[in-house]
């Protein structure tokens, strides 16, 4: 998938370079953007504007996805820390109970001799 994406990016770059060389003087008239008419505009400007706006939208959604991943990871880490504390408490309790049992067995063995 990585190489496929890079090939597409290279093809787009070559297309942009070709468009900018061949069509720099070609103008677009009557272009409507959000209800406003843009007077004679270069095709290259339209393509670059579309690419920049697409990159900004892509970056926004990428950042949003990363933010959600970080938020989920923080929640998971918090839950794991809570589980570790509970397990340590349970281990300490069992350890102290076993120490008491060992001491009582030692006393029984001492008294039995």
PDB file of N, CA and C in Angstrom:
ATOM      1  N   UNK A   1       0.822  -1.190   0.000  1.00  0.00           N
ATOM      2  CA  UNK A   1       0.000   0.000   0.000  1.00  0.00           C
ATOM      3  C   UNK A   1       0.870   1.259   0.000  1.00  0.00           C
ATOM      4  N   UNK A   2       1.988   1.204   0.709  1.00  0.00           N
ATOM      5  CA  UNK A   2       2.886   2.360   0.791  1.00  0.00           C
ATOM      6  C   UNK A   2       3.413   2.727  -0.592  1.00  0.00           C
ATOM      7  N   UNK A   3       3.878   1.719  -1.340  1.00  0.00           N
ATOM      8  CA  UNK A   3       4.439   1.985  -2.665  1.00  0.00           C
ATOM      9  C   UNK A   3       3.361   2.444  -3.643  1.00  0.00           C
ATOM     10  N   UNK A   4       2.173   1.890  -3.510  1.00  0.00           N
ATOM     11  CA  UNK A   4       1.056   2.316  -4.349  1.00  0.00           C
ATOM     12  C   UNK A   4       0.755   3.795  -4.121  1.00  0.00           C
ATOM     13  N   UNK A   5       0.752   4.200  -2.867  1.00  0.00           N
ATOM     14  CA  UNK A   5       0.507   5.608  -2.530  1.00  0.00           C
ATOM     15  C   UNK A   5       1.608   6.500  -3.102  1.00  0.00           C
ATOM     16  N   UNK A   6       2.852   6.059  -3.004  1.00  0.00           N
ATOM     17  CA  UNK A   6       3.970   6.853  -3.521  1.00  0.00           C
ATOM     18  C   UNK A   6       3.923   6.968  -5.046  1.00  0.00           C
ATOM     19  N   UNK A   7       3.509   5.903  -5.731  1.00  0.00           N
ATOM     20  CA  UNK A   7       3.389   5.955  -7.190  1.00  0.00           C
ATOM     21  C   UNK A   7       2.304   6.951  -7.594  1.00  0.00           C
ATOM     22  N   UNK A   8       1.192   6.941  -6.880  1.00  0.00           N
ATOM     23  CA  UNK A   8       0.115   7.891  -7.174  1.00  0.00           C
ATOM     24  C   UNK A   8       0.580   9.318  -6.914  1.00  0.00           C
ATOM     25  N   UNK A   9       1.305   9.539  -5.816  1.00  0.00           N
ATOM     26  CA  UNK A   9       1.820  10.880  -5.532  1.00  0.00           C
ATOM     27  C   UNK A   9       2.783  11.341  -6.624  1.00  0.00           C
ATOM     28  N   UNK A  10       3.628  10.449  -7.104  1.00  0.00           N
ATOM     29  CA  UNK A  10       4.559  10.796  -8.179  1.00  0.00           C
ATOM     30  C   UNK A  10       3.806  11.128  -9.467  1.00  0.00           C
ATOM     31  N   UNK A  11       2.779  10.346  -9.774  1.00  0.00           N
ATOM     32  CA  UNK A  11       1.982  10.612 -10.978  1.00  0.00           C
ATOM     33  C   UNK A  11       1.288  11.967 -10.871  1.00  0.00           C
ATOM     34  N   UNK A  12       0.756  12.276  -9.697  1.00  0.00           N
ATOM     35  CA  UNK A  12       0.122  13.583  -9.501  1.00  0.00           C
ATOM     36  C   UNK A  12       1.129  14.711  -9.634  1.00  0.00           C
ATOM     37  N   UNK A  13       2.308  14.520  -9.096  1.00  0.00           N
ATOM     38  CA  UNK A  13       3.343  15.548  -9.207  1.00  0.00           C
ATOM     39  C   UNK A  13       3.726  15.784 -10.665  1.00  0.00           C
ATOM     40  N   UNK A  14       3.905  14.701 -11.412  1.00  0.00           N
ATOM     41  CA  UNK A  14       4.227  14.844 -12.834  1.00  0.00           C
ATOM     42  C   UNK A  14       3.089  15.517 -13.597  1.00  0.00           C
ATOM     43  N   UNK A  15       1.854  15.181 -13.253  1.00  0.00           N
ATOM     44  CA  UNK A  15       0.707  15.813 -13.912  1.00  0.00           C
ATOM     45  C   UNK A  15       0.653  17.306 -13.603  1.00  0.00           C
ATOM     46  N   UNK A  16       0.954  17.664 -12.370  1.00  0.00           N
ATOM     47  CA  UNK A  16       0.959  19.081 -11.993  1.00  0.00           C
ATOM     48  C   UNK A  16       2.051  19.829 -12.738  1.00  0.00           C
ATOM     49  N   UNK A  17       3.222  19.235 -12.808  1.00  0.00           N
ATOM     50  CA  UNK A  17       4.323  19.890 -13.531  1.00  0.00           C
ATOM     51  C   UNK A  17       3.956  20.052 -15.000  1.00  0.00           C
ATOM     52  N   UNK A  18       3.407  19.009 -15.603  1.00  0.00           N
ATOM     53  CA  UNK A  18       3.014  19.092 -17.007  1.00  0.00           C
ATOM     54  C   UNK A  18       1.928  20.140 -17.213  1.00  0.00           C
ATOM     55  N   UNK A  19       0.920  20.143 -16.314  1.00  0.00           N
ATOM     56  CA  UNK A  19      -0.149  21.144 -16.430  1.00  0.00           C
ATOM     57  C   UNK A  19       0.391  22.558 -16.281  1.00  0.00           C
ATOM     58  N   UNK A  20       1.306  22.726 -15.350  1.00  0.00           N
ATOM     59  CA  UNK A  20       1.821  24.079 -15.130  1.00  0.00           C
ATOM     60  C   UNK A  20       2.651  24.564 -16.314  1.00  0.00           C
ATOM     61  N   UNK A  21       3.339  23.655 -16.986  1.00  0.00           N
ATOM     62  CA  UNK A  21       4.136  24.061 -18.151  1.00  0.00           C
ATOM     63  C   UNK A  21       3.235  24.303 -19.365  1.00  0.00           C
ATOM     64  N   UNK A  22       2.328  23.373 -19.624  1.00  0.00           N
ATOM     65  CA  UNK A  22       1.508  23.444 -20.831  1.00  0.00           C
ATOM     66  C   UNK A  22       0.378  24.467 -20.736  1.00  0.00           C
ATOM     67  N   UNK A  23      -0.210  24.595 -19.564  1.00  0.00           N
ATOM     68  CA  UNK A  23      -1.443  25.378 -19.462  1.00  0.00           C
ATOM     69  C   UNK A  23      -1.309  26.622 -18.595  1.00  0.00           C
ATOM     70  N   UNK A  24      -0.121  27.144 -18.484  1.00  0.00           N
ATOM     71  CA  UNK A  24       0.058  28.300 -17.612  1.00  0.00           C
ATOM     72  C   UNK A  24      -0.734  29.505 -18.109  1.00  0.00           C
ATOM     73  N   UNK A  25      -0.847  29.639 -19.402  1.00  0.00           N
ATOM     74  CA  UNK A  25      -1.552  30.796 -19.950  1.00  0.00           C
ATOM     75  C   UNK A  25      -3.034  30.532 -20.157  1.00  0.00           C
ATOM     76  N   UNK A  26      -3.476  29.282 -19.990  1.00  0.00           N
ATOM     77  CA  UNK A  26      -4.892  28.959 -20.164  1.00  0.00           C
ATOM     78  C   UNK A  26      -5.663  29.499 -18.969  1.00  0.00           C
ATOM     79  N   UNK A  27      -6.729  30.201 -19.240  1.00  0.00           N
ATOM     80  CA  UNK A  27      -7.535  30.817 -18.186  1.00  0.00           C
ATOM     81  C   UNK A  27      -8.885  30.124 -18.099  1.00  0.00           C
ATOM     82  N   UNK A  28      -9.437  30.124 -16.905  1.00  0.00           N
ATOM     83  CA  UNK A  28     -10.769  29.600 -16.663  1.00  0.00           C
ATOM     84  C   UNK A  28     -11.655  30.794 -16.357  1.00  0.00           C
ATOM     85  N   UNK A  29     -12.774  30.878 -17.018  1.00  0.00           N
ATOM     86  CA  UNK A  29     -13.690  31.988 -16.739  1.00  0.00           C
ATOM     87  C   UNK A  29     -15.031  31.419 -16.300  1.00  0.00           C
ATOM     88  N   UNK A  30     -15.702  32.156 -15.455  1.00  0.00           N
ATOM     89  CA  UNK A  30     -17.017  31.718 -14.988  1.00  0.00           C
ATOM     90  C   UNK A  30     -16.955  30.647 -13.928  1.00  0.00           C
ATOM     91  N   UNK A  31     -15.852  30.528 -13.209  1.00  0.00           N
ATOM     92  CA  UNK A  31     -15.709  29.522 -12.154  1.00  0.00           C
ATOM     93  C   UNK A  31     -16.464  29.993 -10.917  1.00  0.00           C
ATOM     94  N   UNK A  32     -17.348  29.149 -10.395  1.00  0.00           N
ATOM     95  CA  UNK A  32     -18.144  29.498  -9.214  1.00  0.00           C
ATOM     96  C   UNK A  32     -17.621  28.708  -8.016  1.00  0.00           C
ATOM     97  N   UNK A  33     -17.281  29.425  -6.947  1.00  0.00           N
ATOM     98  CA  UNK A  33     -16.831  28.798  -5.713  1.00  0.00           C
ATOM     99  C   UNK A  33     -17.668  29.361  -4.577  1.00  0.00           C
ATOM    100  N   UNK A  34     -18.441  28.501  -3.921  1.00  0.00           N
ATOM    101  CA  UNK A  34     -19.325  28.897  -2.828  1.00  0.00           C
ATOM    102  C   UNK A  34     -20.224  30.072  -3.225  1.00  0.00           C
ATOM    103  N   UNK A  35     -20.705  30.044  -4.443  1.00  0.00           N
ATOM    104  CA  UNK A  35     -21.638  31.066  -4.893  1.00  0.00           C
ATOM    105  C   UNK A  35     -21.005  32.331  -5.431  1.00  0.00           C
ATOM    106  N   UNK A  36     -19.695  32.413  -5.366  1.00  0.00           N
ATOM    107  CA  UNK A  36     -19.007  33.601  -5.885  1.00  0.00           C
ATOM    108  C   UNK A  36     -18.318  33.253  -7.196  1.00  0.00           C
ATOM    109  N   UNK A  37     -18.473  34.151  -8.168  1.00  0.00           N
ATOM    110  CA  UNK A  37     -17.826  33.916  -9.451  1.00  0.00           C
ATOM    111  C   UNK A  37     -16.406  34.450  -9.407  1.00  0.00           C
ATOM    112  N   UNK A  38     -15.472  33.610  -9.831  1.00  0.00           N
ATOM    113  CA  UNK A  38     -14.074  34.023  -9.895  1.00  0.00           C
ATOM    114  C   UNK A  38     -13.775  34.358 -11.349  1.00  0.00           C
ATOM    115  N   UNK A  39     -13.316  35.551 -11.576  1.00  0.00           N
ATOM    116  CA  UNK A  39     -13.026  36.016 -12.946  1.00  0.00           C
ATOM    117  C   UNK A  39     -11.837  35.236 -13.503  1.00  0.00           C
ATOM    118  N   UNK A  40     -11.372  35.591 -14.646  1.00  0.00           N
ATOM    119  CA  UNK A  40     -10.316  34.860 -15.356  1.00  0.00           C
ATOM    120  C   UNK A  40      -9.204  34.393 -14.414  1.00  0.00           C
ATOM    121  N   UNK A  41      -9.133  33.075 -14.251  1.00  0.00           N
ATOM    122  CA  UNK A  41      -8.164  32.464 -13.349  1.00  0.00           C
ATOM    123  C   UNK A  41      -7.370  31.419 -14.113  1.00  0.00           C
ATOM    124  N   UNK A  42      -6.099  31.309 -13.803  1.00  0.00           N
ATOM    125  CA  UNK A  42      -5.238  30.328 -14.446  1.00  0.00           C
ATOM    126  C   UNK A  42      -5.612  28.918 -13.996  1.00  0.00           C
ATOM    127  N   UNK A  43      -5.507  27.969 -14.909  1.00  0.00           N
ATOM    128  CA  UNK A  43      -5.782  26.567 -14.588  1.00  0.00           C
ATOM    129  C   UNK A  43      -4.811  26.073 -13.521  1.00  0.00           C
ATOM    130  N   UNK A  44      -3.573  26.518 -13.603  1.00  0.00           N
ATOM    131  CA  UNK A  44      -2.559  26.103 -12.629  1.00  0.00           C
ATOM    132  C   UNK A  44      -2.957  26.565 -11.232  1.00  0.00           C
ATOM    133  N   UNK A  45      -3.462  27.791 -11.119  1.00  0.00           N
ATOM    134  CA  UNK A  45      -3.902  28.301  -9.818  1.00  0.00           C
ATOM    135  C   UNK A  45      -5.043  27.451  -9.268  1.00  0.00           C
ATOM    136  N   UNK A  46      -5.975  27.075 -10.120  1.00  0.00           N
ATOM    137  CA  UNK A  46      -7.109  26.253  -9.688  1.00  0.00           C
ATOM    138  C   UNK A  46      -6.619  24.895  -9.200  1.00  0.00           C
ATOM    139  N   UNK A  47      -5.693  24.276  -9.933  1.00  0.00           N
ATOM    140  CA  UNK A  47      -5.179  22.959  -9.545  1.00  0.00           C
ATOM    141  C   UNK A  47      -4.412  23.051  -8.231  1.00  0.00           C
ATOM    142  N   UNK A  48      -3.527  24.042  -8.102  1.00  0.00           N
ATOM    143  CA  UNK A  48      -2.765  24.191  -6.861  1.00  0.00           C
ATOM    144  C   UNK A  48      -3.677  24.491  -5.674  1.00  0.00           C
ATOM    145  N   UNK A  49      -4.688  25.307  -5.886  1.00  0.00           N
ATOM    146  CA  UNK A  49      -5.633  25.612  -4.812  1.00  0.00           C
ATOM    147  C   UNK A  49      -6.380  24.353  -4.385  1.00  0.00           C
ATOM    148  N   UNK A  50      -6.795  23.551  -5.350  1.00  0.00           N
ATOM    149  CA  UNK A  50      -7.489  22.305  -5.029  1.00  0.00           C
ATOM    150  C   UNK A  50      -6.570  21.349  -4.274  1.00  0.00           C
ATOM    151  N   UNK A  51      -5.311  21.260  -4.687  1.00  0.00           N
ATOM    152  CA  UNK A  51      -4.361  20.378  -3.995  1.00  0.00           C
ATOM    153  C   UNK A  51      -4.089  20.847  -2.577  1.00  0.00           C
ATOM    154  N   UNK A  52      -3.919  22.140  -2.410  1.00  0.00           N
ATOM    155  CA  UNK A  52      -3.646  22.670  -1.069  1.00  0.00           C
ATOM    156  C   UNK A  52      -4.848  22.466  -0.157  1.00  0.00           C
ATOM    157  N   UNK A  53      -6.047  22.733  -0.664  1.00  0.00           N
ATOM    158  CA  UNK A  53      -7.233  22.530   0.170  1.00  0.00           C
ATOM    159  C   UNK A  53      -7.414  21.045   0.492  1.00  0.00           C
ATOM    160  N   UNK A  54      -7.138  20.165  -0.459  1.00  0.00           N
ATOM    161  CA  UNK A  54      -7.213  18.729  -0.192  1.00  0.00           C
ATOM    162  C   UNK A  54      -6.192  18.288   0.838  1.00  0.00           C
ATOM    163  N   UNK A  55      -4.990  18.847   0.755  1.00  0.00           N
ATOM    164  CA  UNK A  55      -3.950  18.508   1.736  1.00  0.00           C
ATOM    165  C   UNK A  55      -4.338  18.991   3.127  1.00  0.00           C
ATOM    166  N   UNK A  56      -4.932  20.172   3.213  1.00  0.00           N
ATOM    167  CA  UNK A  56      -5.360  20.686   4.522  1.00  0.00           C
ATOM    168  C   UNK A  56      -6.478  19.834   5.115  1.00  0.00           C
ATOM    169  N   UNK A  57      -7.427  19.449   4.291  1.00  0.00           N
ATOM    170  CA  UNK A  57      -8.518  18.598   4.779  1.00  0.00           C
ATOM    171  C   UNK A  57      -7.968  17.242   5.208  1.00  0.00           C
ATOM    172  N   UNK A  58      -7.073  16.682   4.420  1.00  0.00           N
ATOM    173  CA  UNK A  58      -6.455  15.398   4.764  1.00  0.00           C
ATOM    174  C   UNK A  58      -5.661  15.495   6.063  1.00  0.00           C
ATOM    175  N   UNK A  59      -4.921  16.583   6.228  1.00  0.00           N
ATOM    176  CA  UNK A  59      -4.141  16.772   7.454  1.00  0.00           C
ATOM    177  C   UNK A  59      -5.057  16.903   8.665  1.00  0.00           C
ATOM    178  N   UNK A  60      -6.180  17.587   8.498  1.00  0.00           N
ATOM    179  CA  UNK A  60      -7.121  17.731   9.609  1.00  0.00           C
ATOM    180  C   UNK A  60      -7.649  16.374  10.053  1.00  0.00           C
ATOM    181  N   UNK A  61      -8.106  15.561   9.093  1.00  0.00           N
ATOM    182  CA  UNK A  61      -8.660  14.264   9.462  1.00  0.00           C
ATOM    183  C   UNK A  61      -7.581  13.313   9.978  1.00  0.00           C
ATOM    184  N   UNK A  62      -6.374  13.437   9.479  1.00  0.00           N
ATOM    185  CA  UNK A  62      -5.268  12.633   9.990  1.00  0.00           C
ATOM    186  C   UNK A  62      -4.961  13.007  11.438  1.00  0.00           C
ATOM    187  N   UNK A  63      -4.938  14.303  11.720  1.00  0.00           N
ATOM    188  CA  UNK A  63      -4.693  14.754  13.096  1.00  0.00           C
ATOM    189  C   UNK A  63      -5.825  14.318  14.012  1.00  0.00           C
ATOM    190  N   UNK A  64      -7.056  14.362  13.521  1.00  0.00           N
ATOM    191  CA  UNK A  64      -8.198  13.917  14.313  1.00  0.00           C
ATOM    192  C   UNK A  64      -8.085  12.430  14.637  1.00  0.00           C
ATOM    193  N   UNK A  65      -7.681  11.640  13.662  1.00  0.00           N
ATOM    194  CA  UNK A  65      -7.500  10.202  13.875  1.00  0.00           C
ATOM    195  C   UNK A  65      -6.393   9.943  14.900  1.00  0.00           C
ATOM    196  N   UNK A  66      -5.273  10.653  14.771  1.00  0.00           N
ATOM    197  CA  UNK A  66      -4.173  10.496  15.727  1.00  0.00           C
ATOM    198  C   UNK A  66      -4.612  10.899  17.133  1.00  0.00           C
ATOM    199  N   UNK A  67      -5.400  11.971  17.233  1.00  0.00           N
ATOM    200  CA  UNK A  67      -5.876  12.428  18.541  1.00  0.00           C
ATOM    201  C   UNK A  67      -6.750  11.361  19.187  1.00  0.00           C
ATOM    202  N   UNK A  68      -7.616  10.721  18.390  1.00  0.00           N
ATOM    203  CA  UNK A  68      -8.467   9.658  18.933  1.00  0.00           C
ATOM    204  C   UNK A  68      -7.626   8.470  19.389  1.00  0.00           C
ATOM    205  N   UNK A  69      -6.601   8.123  18.618  1.00  0.00           N
ATOM    206  CA  UNK A  69      -5.729   7.008  18.991  1.00  0.00           C
ATOM    207  C   UNK A  69      -4.999   7.318  20.291  1.00  0.00           C
ATOM    208  N   UNK A  70      -4.478   8.540  20.417  1.00  0.00           N
ATOM    209  CA  UNK A  70      -3.768   8.935  21.639  1.00  0.00           C
ATOM    210  C   UNK A  70      -4.715   8.906  22.827  1.00  0.00           C
ATOM    211  N   UNK A  71      -5.943   9.399  22.639  1.00  0.00           N
ATOM    212  CA  UNK A  71      -6.926   9.399  23.725  1.00  0.00           C
ATOM    213  C   UNK A  71      -7.236   7.973  24.168  1.00  0.00           C
ATOM    214  N   UNK A  72      -7.441   7.068  23.207  1.00  0.00           N
ATOM    215  CA  UNK A  72      -7.720   5.672  23.543  1.00  0.00           C
ATOM    216  C   UNK A  72      -6.527   5.023  24.237  1.00  0.00           C
ATOM    217  N   UNK A  73      -5.317   5.335  23.781  1.00  0.00           N
ATOM    218  CA  UNK A  73      -4.118   4.775  24.409  1.00  0.00           C
ATOM    219  C   UNK A  73      -3.959   5.270  25.838  1.00  0.00           C
ATOM    220  N   UNK A  74      -4.251   6.554  26.085  1.00  0.00           N
ATOM    221  CA  UNK A  74      -4.163   7.078  27.451  1.00  0.00           C
ATOM    222  C   UNK A  74      -5.157   6.369  28.360  1.00  0.00           C
ATOM    223  N   UNK A  75      -6.367   6.118  27.845  1.00  0.00           N
ATOM    224  CA  UNK A  75      -7.374   5.418  28.639  1.00  0.00           C
ATOM    225  C   UNK A  75      -6.911   3.993  28.942  1.00  0.00           C
ATOM    226  N   UNK A  76      -6.330   3.329  27.955  1.00  0.00           N
ATOM    227  CA  UNK A  76      -5.836   1.967  28.145  1.00  0.00           C
ATOM    228  C   UNK A  76      -4.709   1.936  29.168  1.00  0.00           C
ATOM    229  N   UNK A  77      -3.789   2.898  29.093  1.00  0.00           N
ATOM    230  CA  UNK A  77      -2.679   2.963  30.050  1.00  0.00           C
ATOM    231  C   UNK A  77      -3.216   3.189  31.457  1.00  0.00           C
ATOM    232  N   UNK A  78      -4.205   4.061  31.591  1.00  0.00           N
ATOM    233  CA  UNK A  78      -4.800   4.327  32.907  1.00  0.00           C
ATOM    234  C   UNK A  78      -5.440   3.055  33.465  1.00  0.00           C
ATOM    235  N   UNK A  79      -6.177   2.326  32.618  1.00  0.00           N
ATOM    236  CA  UNK A  79      -6.794   1.074  33.060  1.00  0.00           C
ATOM    237  C   UNK A  79      -5.739   0.044  33.452  1.00  0.00           C
ATOM    238  N   UNK A  80      -4.664  -0.040  32.685  1.00  0.00           N
ATOM    239  CA  UNK A  80      -3.597  -0.991  33.009  1.00  0.00           C
ATOM    240  C   UNK A  80      -2.916  -0.638  34.328  1.00  0.00           C
ATOM    241  N   UNK A  81      -2.694   0.655  34.575  1.00  0.00           N
ATOM    242  CA  UNK A  81      -2.090   1.065  35.846  1.00  0.00           C
ATOM    243  C   UNK A  81      -2.992   0.698  37.010  1.00  0.00           C
ATOM    244  N   UNK A  82      -4.302   0.879  36.833  1.00  0.00           N
ATOM    245  CA  UNK A  82      -5.252   0.507  37.880  1.00  0.00           C
ATOM    246  C   UNK A  82      -5.204  -0.998  38.124  1.00  0.00           C
ATOM    247  N   UNK A  83      -5.165  -1.777  37.062  1.00  0.00           N
ATOM    248  CA  UNK A  83      -5.091  -3.236  37.202  1.00  0.00           C
ATOM    249  C   UNK A  83      -3.800  -3.659  37.890  1.00  0.00           C
ATOM    250  N   UNK A  84      -2.691  -3.000  37.556  1.00  0.00           N
ATOM    251  CA  UNK A  84      -1.410  -3.325  38.188  1.00  0.00           C
ATOM    252  C   UNK A  84      -1.469  -3.049  39.681  1.00  0.00           C
ATOM    253  N   UNK A  85      -2.048  -1.914  40.066  1.00  0.00           N
ATOM    254  CA  UNK A  85      -2.160  -1.588  41.494  1.00  0.00           C
ATOM    255  C   UNK A  85      -3.019  -2.608  42.224  1.00  0.00           C
ATOM    256  N   UNK A  86      -4.128  -3.014  41.599  1.00  0.00           N
ATOM    257  CA  UNK A  86      -4.988  -4.024  42.226  1.00  0.00           C
ATOM    258  C   UNK A  86      -4.255  -5.355  42.378  1.00  0.00           C
ATOM    259  N   UNK A  87      -3.522  -5.750  41.354  1.00  0.00           N
ATOM    260  CA  UNK A  87      -2.784  -7.014  41.419  1.00  0.00           C
ATOM    261  C   UNK A  87      -1.662  -6.958  42.453  1.00  0.00           C
ATOM    262  N   UNK A  88      -0.976  -5.814  42.555  1.00  0.00           N
ATOM    263  CA  UNK A  88       0.064  -5.667  43.576  1.00  0.00           C
ATOM    264  C   UNK A  88      -0.532  -5.750  44.972  1.00  0.00           C
ATOM    265  N   UNK A  89      -1.679  -5.116  45.182  1.00  0.00           N
ATOM    266  CA  UNK A  89      -2.332  -5.174  46.492  1.00  0.00           C
ATOM    267  C   UNK A  89      -2.736  -6.607  46.826  1.00  0.00           C
ATOM    268  N   UNK A  90      -3.293  -7.312  45.848  1.00  0.00           N
ATOM    269  CA  UNK A  90      -3.697  -8.699  46.066  1.00  0.00           C
ATOM    270  C   UNK A  90      -2.477  -9.575  46.339  1.00  0.00           C
ATOM    271  N   UNK A  91      -1.387  -9.346  45.617  1.00  0.00           N
ATOM    272  CA  UNK A  91      -0.156 -10.108  45.815  1.00  0.00           C
ATOM    273  C   UNK A  91       0.425  -9.855  47.203  1.00  0.00           C
ATOM    274  N   UNK A  92       0.435  -8.601  47.640  1.00  0.00           N
ATOM    275  CA  UNK A  92       0.939  -8.282  48.982  1.00  0.00           C
ATOM    276  C   UNK A  92       0.083  -8.929  50.058  1.00  0.00           C
ATOM    277  N   UNK A  93      -1.234  -8.930  49.865  1.00  0.00           N
ATOM    278  CA  UNK A  93      -2.134  -9.553  50.836  1.00  0.00           C
ATOM    279  C   UNK A  93      -1.880 -11.057  50.907  1.00  0.00           C
ATOM    280  N   UNK A  94      -1.781 -11.702  49.763  1.00  0.00           N
ATOM    281  CA  UNK A  94      -1.514 -13.141  49.743  1.00  0.00           C
ATOM    282  C   UNK A  94      -0.139 -13.448  50.318  1.00  0.00           C
ATOM    283  N   UNK A  95       0.829 -12.594  50.049  1.00  0.00           N
ATOM    284  CA  UNK A  95       2.179 -12.791  50.576  1.00  0.00           C
ATOM    285  C   UNK A  95       2.176 -12.706  52.096  1.00  0.00           C
ATOM    286  N   UNK A  96       1.477 -11.716  52.636  1.00  0.00           N
ATOM    287  CA  UNK A  96       1.443 -11.592  54.098  1.00  0.00           C
ATOM    288  C   UNK A  96       0.694 -12.762  54.727  1.00  0.00           C
ATOM    289  N   UNK A  97      -0.366 -13.236  54.072  1.00  0.00           N
ATOM    290  CA  UNK A  97      -1.092 -14.397  54.592  1.00  0.00           C
ATOM    291  C   UNK A  97      -0.206 -15.640  54.578  1.00  0.00           C
ATOM    292  N   UNK A  98       0.560 -15.812  53.501  1.00  0.00           N
ATOM    293  CA  UNK A  98       1.448 -16.970  53.415  1.00  0.00           C
ATOM    294  C   UNK A  98       2.572 -16.885  54.442  1.00  0.00           C
ATOM    295  N   UNK A  99       3.082 -15.680  54.697  1.00  0.00           N
ATOM    296  CA  UNK A  99       4.120 -15.524  55.721  1.00  0.00           C
ATOM    297  C   UNK A  99       3.580 -15.903  57.096  1.00  0.00           C
ATOM    298  N   UNK A 100       2.345 -15.484  57.386  1.00  0.00           N
ATOM    299  CA  UNK A 100       1.726 -15.847  58.665  1.00  0.00           C
ATOM    300  C   UNK A 100       1.557 -17.357  58.773  1.00  0.00           C
ATOM    301  N   UNK A 101       1.148 -17.968  57.680  1.00  0.00           N
ATOM    302  CA  UNK A 101       0.958 -19.418  57.685  1.00  0.00           C
ATOM    303  C   UNK A 101       2.287 -20.140  57.871  1.00  0.00           C
ATOM    304  N   UNK A 102       3.350 -19.653  57.226  1.00  0.00           N
ATOM    305  CA  UNK A 102       4.674 -20.257  57.381  1.00  0.00           C
ATOM    306  C   UNK A 102       5.145 -20.130  58.824  1.00  0.00           C
ATOM    307  N   UNK A 103       4.949 -18.940  59.415  1.00  0.00           N
ATOM    308  CA  UNK A 103       5.347 -18.756  60.815  1.00  0.00           C
ATOM    309  C   UNK A 103       4.568 -19.682  61.740  1.00  0.00           C
ATOM    310  N   UNK A 104       3.270 -19.844  61.488  1.00  0.00           N
ATOM    311  CA  UNK A 104       2.481 -20.737  62.343  1.00  0.00           C
ATOM    312  C   UNK A 104       2.926 -22.186  62.161  1.00  0.00           C
ATOM    313  N   UNK A 105       3.290 -22.580  60.945  1.00  0.00           N
ATOM    314  CA  UNK A 105       3.777 -23.942  60.729  1.00  0.00           C
ATOM    315  C   UNK A 105       5.127 -24.159  61.403  1.00  0.00           C
ATOM    316  N   UNK A 106       5.987 -23.120  61.393  1.00  0.00           N
ATOM    317  CA  UNK A 106       7.268 -23.225  62.091  1.00  0.00           C
ATOM    318  C   UNK A 106       7.049 -23.406  63.588  1.00  0.00           C
ATOM    319  N   UNK A 107       6.086 -22.681  64.136  1.00  0.00           N
ATOM    320  CA  UNK A 107       5.775 -22.813  65.562  1.00  0.00           C
ATOM    321  C   UNK A 107       5.269 -24.221  65.875  1.00  0.00           C
ATOM    322  N   UNK A 108       4.446 -24.742  64.973  1.00  0.00           N
ATOM    323  CA  UNK A 108       3.926 -26.098  65.183  1.00  0.00           C
ATOM    324  C   UNK A 108       5.065 -27.109  65.147  1.00  0.00           C
ATOM    325  N   UNK A 109       5.995 -26.931  64.197  1.00  0.00           N
ATOM    326  CA  UNK A 109       7.128 -27.847  64.087  1.00  0.00           C
ATOM    327  C   UNK A 109       8.011 -27.727  65.322  1.00  0.00           C
ATOM    328  N   UNK A 110       8.253 -26.506  65.827  1.00  0.00           N
ATOM    329  CA  UNK A 110       9.069 -26.302  67.027  1.00  0.00           C
ATOM    330  C   UNK A 110       8.426 -26.963  68.239  1.00  0.00           C
ATOM    331  N   UNK A 111       7.145 -26.765  68.366  1.00  0.00           N
ATOM    332  CA  UNK A 111       6.432 -27.318  69.521  1.00  0.00           C
ATOM    333  C   UNK A 111       6.288 -28.830  69.415  1.00  0.00           C
ATOM    334  N   UNK A 112       6.326 -29.341  68.224  1.00  0.00           N
ATOM    335  CA  UNK A 112       6.183 -30.777  68.019  1.00  0.00           C
ATOM    336  C   UNK A 112       7.436 -31.542  68.391  1.00  0.00           C
ATOM    337  N   UNK A 113       8.604 -30.907  68.429  1.00  0.00           N
ATOM    338  CA  UNK A 113       9.847 -31.599  68.738  1.00  0.00           C
ATOM    339  C   UNK A 113       9.961 -31.767  70.175  1.00  0.00           C
TER     340      UNK A 113
END
